[in-house]
Protein backbone atom coordinates (compact mmCIF):
# COMPACT_ATOMS: atom_id res chain seq x y z
CA UNK A 1 -10.49 10.25 16.07
CA UNK A 2 -12.61 8.00 18.17
CA UNK A 3 -14.83 5.02 17.44
CA UNK A 4 -18.55 5.38 18.07
CA UNK A 5 -20.42 2.19 18.93
CA UNK A 6 -23.81 3.63 17.96
CA UNK A 7 -23.21 3.70 14.23
CA UNK A 8 -19.96 1.72 13.98
CA UNK A 9 -17.96 4.57 12.44
CA UNK A 10 -15.23 7.02 13.35
CA UNK A 11 -15.72 10.54 14.62
CA UNK A 12 -13.25 13.43 14.42
CA UNK A 13 -12.52 14.72 17.93
CA UNK A 14 -9.71 17.17 17.19
CA UNK A 15 -7.49 18.66 14.55
CA UNK A 16 -3.73 18.81 14.16
CA UNK A 17 -1.95 22.13 14.35
CA UNK A 18 0.42 21.01 11.58
CA UNK A 19 -0.64 21.30 7.96
CA UNK A 20 1.33 18.27 6.79
CA UNK A 21 -0.12 15.63 9.12
CA UNK A 22 -1.96 12.89 7.27
CA UNK A 23 -3.17 9.79 9.06
CA UNK A 24 -4.52 6.55 7.66
CA UNK A 25 -6.33 4.10 9.90
CA UNK A 26 -6.58 0.33 9.50
CA UNK A 27 -8.28 -2.24 11.67
CA UNK A 28 -5.92 -3.41 14.41
CA UNK A 29 -4.26 -6.67 13.41
CA UNK A 30 -4.94 -6.26 9.67
CA UNK A 31 -1.29 -6.77 8.79
CA UNK A 32 -2.03 -7.68 5.16
CA UNK A 33 -3.75 -4.35 4.51
CA UNK A 34 -1.01 -2.41 6.30
CA UNK A 35 1.69 -4.20 4.29
CA UNK A 36 -0.10 -3.48 0.99
CA UNK A 37 -0.71 0.16 1.93
CA UNK A 38 2.94 0.72 2.91
CA UNK A 39 4.15 -0.89 -0.34
CA UNK A 40 1.83 1.31 -2.43
CA UNK A 41 2.87 4.42 -0.50
CA UNK A 42 6.53 3.58 -1.08
CA UNK A 43 5.87 3.21 -4.83
CA UNK A 44 4.04 6.58 -4.92
CA UNK A 45 6.92 8.29 -3.13
CA UNK A 46 9.54 6.77 -5.45
CA UNK A 47 7.62 7.82 -8.57
CA UNK A 48 7.03 11.41 -7.39
CA UNK A 49 3.26 10.94 -7.51
CA UNK A 50 2.97 11.39 -3.73
CA UNK A 51 4.38 14.93 -3.85
CA UNK A 52 2.14 15.78 -6.81
CA UNK A 53 -0.99 14.59 -4.98
CA UNK A 54 -0.05 16.39 -1.74
CA UNK A 55 0.49 19.63 -3.65
CA UNK A 56 -2.77 19.20 -5.61
CA UNK A 57 -4.95 18.55 -2.54
CA UNK A 58 -3.14 20.50 0.20
CA UNK A 59 -1.11 23.16 -1.63
CA UNK A 60 2.60 23.75 -1.25
CA UNK A 61 3.01 22.62 2.38
CA UNK A 62 6.72 23.47 2.34
CA UNK A 63 5.82 27.17 1.96
CA UNK A 64 3.21 26.91 4.75
CA UNK A 65 5.77 25.96 7.42
């Protein structure tokens, strides 16, 4: 992704070859947001909800490898 100054948003400039790549962006230096996101992600993984959501939105990525 790249930042475009014209409209102050992000633009997709390429795609990953891997099916399981998922990227989340945060403003550089926003440590509070990153800390909260990582804590929530950890909770989702521990509860099993993360795997359920990945399967729901992206299919069974383990079978796609």
